[in-house]
N, C-alpha and C. Protein backbone atom coordinates (compact mmCIF):
# COMPACT_ATOMS: atom_id res chain seq x y z
N MET A 1 -49.04 -47.43 -11.59
CA MET A 1 -50.21 -48.27 -11.49
C MET A 1 -50.57 -48.44 -10.02
N THR A 2 -51.85 -48.46 -9.74
CA THR A 2 -52.28 -48.68 -8.37
C THR A 2 -52.16 -50.15 -8.03
N GLU A 3 -52.09 -50.42 -6.75
CA GLU A 3 -52.01 -51.80 -6.29
C GLU A 3 -53.23 -52.60 -6.71
N ASN A 4 -54.38 -51.94 -6.78
CA ASN A 4 -55.63 -52.61 -7.15
C ASN A 4 -55.78 -52.79 -8.65
N GLY A 5 -54.95 -52.12 -9.44
CA GLY A 5 -55.01 -52.29 -10.88
C GLY A 5 -56.06 -51.47 -11.58
N TYR A 6 -56.60 -50.46 -10.95
CA TYR A 6 -57.56 -49.59 -11.61
C TYR A 6 -57.12 -48.14 -11.45
N THR A 7 -57.73 -47.26 -12.22
CA THR A 7 -57.41 -45.84 -12.15
C THR A 7 -57.86 -45.29 -10.80
N PRO A 8 -56.95 -44.67 -10.04
CA PRO A 8 -57.33 -44.12 -8.73
C PRO A 8 -58.42 -43.06 -8.87
N GLY A 9 -59.26 -42.98 -7.89
CA GLY A 9 -60.33 -41.99 -7.89
C GLY A 9 -59.92 -40.76 -7.14
N PRO A 10 -60.78 -39.78 -7.03
CA PRO A 10 -62.14 -39.81 -7.58
C PRO A 10 -62.13 -39.67 -9.10
N TRP A 11 -63.15 -40.22 -9.74
CA TRP A 11 -63.26 -40.17 -11.20
C TRP A 11 -64.22 -39.08 -11.61
N ARG A 12 -63.93 -38.49 -12.76
CA ARG A 12 -64.89 -37.65 -13.48
C ARG A 12 -65.14 -38.38 -14.79
N VAL A 13 -66.40 -38.67 -15.07
CA VAL A 13 -66.76 -39.46 -16.24
C VAL A 13 -67.58 -38.59 -17.18
N PHE A 14 -67.22 -38.65 -18.47
CA PHE A 14 -67.89 -37.84 -19.48
C PHE A 14 -68.48 -38.74 -20.55
N ARG A 15 -69.67 -38.41 -20.98
CA ARG A 15 -70.28 -39.11 -22.10
C ARG A 15 -69.59 -38.65 -23.38
N THR A 16 -69.24 -39.59 -24.25
CA THR A 16 -68.48 -39.22 -25.44
C THR A 16 -69.29 -39.27 -26.72
N ASP A 17 -70.46 -39.91 -26.69
CA ASP A 17 -71.28 -39.99 -27.90
C ASP A 17 -72.72 -40.31 -27.52
N ASP A 18 -73.55 -40.50 -28.53
CA ASP A 18 -74.96 -40.80 -28.30
C ASP A 18 -75.24 -42.30 -28.20
N TYR A 19 -74.18 -43.11 -28.16
CA TYR A 19 -74.34 -44.57 -28.17
C TYR A 19 -74.00 -45.22 -26.83
N GLY A 20 -73.88 -44.43 -25.77
CA GLY A 20 -73.63 -44.98 -24.45
C GLY A 20 -72.16 -45.10 -24.07
N SER A 21 -71.28 -44.48 -24.83
CA SER A 21 -69.85 -44.53 -24.50
C SER A 21 -69.49 -43.42 -23.52
N TYR A 22 -68.61 -43.77 -22.59
CA TYR A 22 -68.15 -42.82 -21.58
C TYR A 22 -66.64 -42.87 -21.50
N ARG A 23 -66.06 -41.81 -20.98
CA ARG A 23 -64.61 -41.73 -20.83
C ARG A 23 -64.29 -41.32 -19.40
N ILE A 24 -63.35 -42.04 -18.80
CA ILE A 24 -62.88 -41.69 -17.46
C ILE A 24 -61.77 -40.66 -17.64
N HIS A 25 -62.03 -39.44 -17.22
CA HIS A 25 -61.09 -38.34 -17.43
C HIS A 25 -59.71 -38.66 -16.86
N GLU A 26 -59.64 -39.21 -15.66
CA GLU A 26 -58.36 -39.45 -15.01
C GLU A 26 -57.53 -40.48 -15.76
N ALA A 27 -58.15 -41.50 -16.35
CA ALA A 27 -57.41 -42.50 -17.14
C ALA A 27 -56.84 -41.85 -18.39
N ALA A 28 -57.62 -41.01 -19.05
CA ALA A 28 -57.15 -40.32 -20.25
C ALA A 28 -56.03 -39.34 -19.90
N ARG A 29 -56.18 -38.63 -18.76
CA ARG A 29 -55.15 -37.68 -18.34
C ARG A 29 -53.83 -38.38 -18.10
N GLU A 30 -53.88 -39.52 -17.42
CA GLU A 30 -52.66 -40.28 -17.14
C GLU A 30 -51.94 -40.65 -18.43
N GLN A 31 -52.68 -41.14 -19.40
CA GLN A 31 -52.07 -41.54 -20.66
C GLN A 31 -51.60 -40.33 -21.46
N ASN A 32 -52.30 -39.22 -21.41
CA ASN A 32 -51.86 -38.01 -22.11
C ASN A 32 -50.57 -37.45 -21.51
N GLU A 33 -50.42 -37.56 -20.19
CA GLU A 33 -49.17 -37.11 -19.55
C GLU A 33 -47.99 -37.91 -20.08
N TRP A 34 -48.19 -39.18 -20.33
CA TRP A 34 -47.10 -40.00 -20.86
C TRP A 34 -46.66 -39.51 -22.23
N VAL A 35 -47.61 -39.08 -23.05
CA VAL A 35 -47.28 -38.57 -24.38
C VAL A 35 -46.45 -37.31 -24.25
N SER A 36 -46.81 -36.42 -23.33
CA SER A 36 -46.07 -35.17 -23.16
C SER A 36 -44.67 -35.41 -22.61
N GLU A 37 -44.44 -36.58 -22.00
CA GLU A 37 -43.12 -36.92 -21.48
C GLU A 37 -42.24 -37.54 -22.57
N GLY A 38 -42.73 -37.62 -23.79
CA GLY A 38 -41.96 -38.19 -24.86
C GLY A 38 -42.33 -39.61 -25.22
N TYR A 39 -43.27 -40.18 -24.49
CA TYR A 39 -43.73 -41.52 -24.81
C TYR A 39 -44.34 -41.50 -26.20
N GLY A 40 -44.02 -42.48 -26.97
CA GLY A 40 -44.59 -42.57 -28.30
C GLY A 40 -43.58 -42.31 -29.40
N GLN A 41 -42.43 -41.69 -29.08
CA GLN A 41 -41.44 -41.43 -30.11
C GLN A 41 -40.55 -42.64 -30.38
N MET A 42 -40.31 -43.45 -29.37
CA MET A 42 -39.65 -44.74 -29.50
C MET A 42 -38.34 -44.68 -30.30
N GLU A 43 -37.46 -43.79 -29.92
CA GLU A 43 -36.20 -43.66 -30.66
C GLU A 43 -35.13 -44.64 -30.19
N THR A 44 -35.21 -45.11 -28.97
CA THR A 44 -34.22 -46.05 -28.44
C THR A 44 -34.91 -47.30 -27.92
N ASP A 45 -34.12 -48.35 -27.69
CA ASP A 45 -34.68 -49.57 -27.12
C ASP A 45 -35.28 -49.31 -25.75
N GLU A 46 -34.64 -48.42 -24.97
CA GLU A 46 -35.14 -48.10 -23.64
C GLU A 46 -36.49 -47.41 -23.72
N GLU A 47 -36.63 -46.48 -24.68
CA GLU A 47 -37.92 -45.80 -24.84
C GLU A 47 -38.99 -46.77 -25.30
N GLU A 48 -38.63 -47.69 -26.16
CA GLU A 48 -39.60 -48.68 -26.61
C GLU A 48 -40.03 -49.59 -25.46
N ALA A 49 -39.08 -49.99 -24.63
CA ALA A 49 -39.40 -50.81 -23.46
C ALA A 49 -40.30 -50.04 -22.50
N GLU A 50 -40.02 -48.75 -22.31
CA GLU A 50 -40.86 -47.92 -21.44
C GLU A 50 -42.25 -47.79 -22.04
N GLY A 51 -42.33 -47.63 -23.34
CA GLY A 51 -43.64 -47.57 -24.01
C GLY A 51 -44.43 -48.85 -23.81
N ASP A 52 -43.75 -49.99 -23.93
CA ASP A 52 -44.41 -51.28 -23.70
C ASP A 52 -44.91 -51.38 -22.27
N ARG A 53 -44.09 -50.93 -21.32
CA ARG A 53 -44.47 -50.98 -19.90
C ARG A 53 -45.71 -50.12 -19.66
N ARG A 54 -45.72 -48.93 -20.23
CA ARG A 54 -46.86 -48.03 -20.03
C ARG A 54 -48.12 -48.56 -20.71
N ASN A 55 -47.98 -49.20 -21.86
CA ASN A 55 -49.14 -49.82 -22.50
C ASN A 55 -49.71 -50.93 -21.63
N GLU A 56 -48.84 -51.70 -21.01
CA GLU A 56 -49.28 -52.77 -20.12
C GLU A 56 -50.04 -52.20 -18.92
N ILE A 57 -49.52 -51.11 -18.35
CA ILE A 57 -50.21 -50.46 -17.23
C ILE A 57 -51.58 -49.97 -17.66
N ALA A 58 -51.66 -49.33 -18.85
CA ALA A 58 -52.94 -48.82 -19.34
C ALA A 58 -53.93 -49.96 -19.54
N GLU A 59 -53.47 -51.09 -20.07
CA GLU A 59 -54.35 -52.24 -20.27
C GLU A 59 -54.83 -52.80 -18.93
N LEU A 60 -53.93 -52.86 -17.93
CA LEU A 60 -54.33 -53.34 -16.61
C LEU A 60 -55.35 -52.40 -15.98
N HIS A 61 -55.12 -51.09 -16.12
CA HIS A 61 -56.08 -50.12 -15.59
C HIS A 61 -57.43 -50.27 -16.30
N ASP A 62 -57.41 -50.43 -17.62
CA ASP A 62 -58.66 -50.58 -18.36
C ASP A 62 -59.43 -51.80 -17.87
N GLU A 63 -58.74 -52.91 -17.68
CA GLU A 63 -59.39 -54.13 -17.20
C GLU A 63 -59.92 -53.93 -15.78
N GLY A 64 -59.10 -53.32 -14.92
CA GLY A 64 -59.53 -53.05 -13.55
C GLY A 64 -60.72 -52.10 -13.50
N ASN A 65 -60.69 -51.08 -14.34
CA ASN A 65 -61.81 -50.14 -14.40
C ASN A 65 -63.08 -50.85 -14.84
N ARG A 66 -62.96 -51.75 -15.83
CA ARG A 66 -64.11 -52.50 -16.32
C ARG A 66 -64.72 -53.34 -15.19
N ARG A 67 -63.86 -54.05 -14.45
CA ARG A 67 -64.37 -54.88 -13.36
C ARG A 67 -65.05 -54.03 -12.29
N LEU A 68 -64.45 -52.90 -11.97
CA LEU A 68 -65.03 -52.02 -10.94
C LEU A 68 -66.39 -51.48 -11.37
N ILE A 69 -66.49 -51.05 -12.61
CA ILE A 69 -67.76 -50.54 -13.13
C ILE A 69 -68.79 -51.65 -13.17
N GLN A 70 -68.38 -52.84 -13.58
CA GLN A 70 -69.29 -53.97 -13.66
C GLN A 70 -69.83 -54.34 -12.28
N ALA A 71 -69.02 -54.20 -11.25
CA ALA A 71 -69.42 -54.58 -9.89
C ALA A 71 -70.15 -53.45 -9.16
N ALA A 72 -70.21 -52.27 -9.73
CA ALA A 72 -70.78 -51.11 -9.05
C ALA A 72 -72.20 -51.35 -8.53
N PRO A 73 -73.11 -51.95 -9.28
CA PRO A 73 -74.45 -52.17 -8.74
C PRO A 73 -74.45 -53.05 -7.49
N GLU A 74 -73.63 -54.10 -7.49
CA GLU A 74 -73.55 -54.97 -6.31
C GLU A 74 -72.93 -54.24 -5.13
N LEU A 75 -71.91 -53.44 -5.40
CA LEU A 75 -71.28 -52.67 -4.32
C LEU A 75 -72.28 -51.70 -3.71
N LEU A 76 -73.07 -51.04 -4.55
CA LEU A 76 -74.09 -50.11 -4.05
C LEU A 76 -75.14 -50.85 -3.22
N GLU A 77 -75.61 -51.99 -3.72
CA GLU A 77 -76.60 -52.76 -2.97
C GLU A 77 -76.05 -53.19 -1.61
N ALA A 78 -74.79 -53.62 -1.58
CA ALA A 78 -74.18 -54.05 -0.31
C ALA A 78 -74.08 -52.88 0.65
N CYS A 79 -73.69 -51.72 0.15
CA CYS A 79 -73.59 -50.53 1.01
C CYS A 79 -74.96 -50.12 1.53
N GLU A 80 -75.97 -50.17 0.67
CA GLU A 80 -77.32 -49.82 1.10
C GLU A 80 -77.83 -50.79 2.16
N ALA A 81 -77.52 -52.08 2.00
CA ALA A 81 -77.95 -53.07 2.99
C ALA A 81 -77.30 -52.81 4.34
N VAL A 82 -76.04 -52.41 4.32
CA VAL A 82 -75.34 -52.07 5.57
C VAL A 82 -76.03 -50.88 6.23
N LEU A 83 -76.30 -49.85 5.45
CA LEU A 83 -76.91 -48.64 6.01
C LEU A 83 -78.33 -48.87 6.54
N LYS A 84 -79.07 -49.73 5.87
CA LYS A 84 -80.46 -49.98 6.27
C LYS A 84 -80.57 -51.05 7.34
N GLY A 85 -79.49 -51.81 7.56
CA GLY A 85 -79.54 -52.90 8.53
C GLY A 85 -80.53 -53.97 8.15
N GLU A 86 -80.65 -54.25 6.84
CA GLU A 86 -81.67 -55.16 6.32
C GLU A 86 -81.37 -56.63 6.56
N SER A 87 -80.14 -57.00 6.75
CA SER A 87 -79.78 -58.41 6.83
C SER A 87 -78.99 -58.67 8.10
N THR A 88 -78.74 -59.93 8.35
CA THR A 88 -77.88 -60.28 9.47
C THR A 88 -76.45 -59.87 9.15
N ASP A 89 -75.64 -59.79 10.17
CA ASP A 89 -74.25 -59.40 9.97
C ASP A 89 -73.55 -60.33 8.98
N ASP A 90 -73.77 -61.64 9.12
CA ASP A 90 -73.13 -62.60 8.22
C ASP A 90 -73.60 -62.41 6.78
N GLU A 91 -74.88 -62.17 6.58
CA GLU A 91 -75.40 -61.95 5.23
C GLU A 91 -74.80 -60.70 4.60
N ILE A 92 -74.74 -59.64 5.39
CA ILE A 92 -74.17 -58.38 4.89
C ILE A 92 -72.70 -58.56 4.56
N LEU A 93 -71.95 -59.18 5.46
CA LEU A 93 -70.52 -59.39 5.20
C LEU A 93 -70.30 -60.24 3.96
N ASN A 94 -71.11 -61.25 3.75
CA ASN A 94 -70.99 -62.08 2.56
C ASN A 94 -71.31 -61.28 1.31
N GLN A 95 -72.34 -60.45 1.37
CA GLN A 95 -72.72 -59.61 0.22
C GLN A 95 -71.60 -58.62 -0.10
N VAL A 96 -71.03 -58.00 0.91
CA VAL A 96 -69.93 -57.05 0.70
C VAL A 96 -68.71 -57.78 0.15
N ALA A 97 -68.35 -58.92 0.74
CA ALA A 97 -67.18 -59.67 0.29
C ALA A 97 -67.32 -60.11 -1.16
N THR A 98 -68.51 -60.55 -1.55
CA THR A 98 -68.76 -60.98 -2.92
C THR A 98 -68.61 -59.80 -3.89
N ALA A 99 -69.18 -58.66 -3.54
CA ALA A 99 -69.10 -57.48 -4.39
C ALA A 99 -67.66 -56.98 -4.53
N VAL A 100 -66.92 -56.98 -3.44
CA VAL A 100 -65.51 -56.54 -3.49
C VAL A 100 -64.68 -57.51 -4.33
N ALA A 101 -64.90 -58.80 -4.19
CA ALA A 101 -64.17 -59.79 -5.00
C ALA A 101 -64.45 -59.60 -6.47
N ARG A 102 -65.70 -59.32 -6.81
CA ARG A 102 -66.03 -59.07 -8.22
C ARG A 102 -65.34 -57.81 -8.73
N ALA A 103 -65.30 -56.78 -7.92
CA ALA A 103 -64.67 -55.53 -8.34
C ALA A 103 -63.16 -55.70 -8.52
N LYS A 104 -62.53 -56.47 -7.63
CA LYS A 104 -61.08 -56.62 -7.68
C LYS A 104 -60.61 -57.64 -8.71
N ARG A 105 -61.34 -58.75 -8.80
CA ARG A 105 -60.84 -59.83 -9.64
C ARG A 105 -61.83 -60.31 -10.69
N GLY A 106 -63.01 -59.73 -10.72
CA GLY A 106 -64.02 -60.16 -11.67
C GLY A 106 -64.66 -61.48 -11.30
N GLU A 107 -64.52 -61.89 -10.05
CA GLU A 107 -65.08 -63.17 -9.61
C GLU A 107 -66.57 -63.04 -9.34
N ALA A 108 -67.26 -64.14 -9.54
CA ALA A 108 -68.71 -64.14 -9.29
C ALA A 108 -68.99 -64.36 -7.82
């Protein structure tokens, strides 16, 4: 698991259906690797504990990915404001700090 709690990038995202669903390839790859390592057979208490640990990591990554995706428009706006020099330094820093906090912790 990354320190930030989301799937490390860069991401490749694929549309999975006609209803707006998408899949982050790297998150799916990480979980598929666990299956090839024997995760899922749960023959011993240790394997079951490892399975529980990996499920917890996947859930944390899913939540972190959701927050990051949700904050993406604000992050983009903050970056564009920096590049265009549209605001004062304090305004830009506040906009960036707010967007980063939302991405990391889901804070408003």
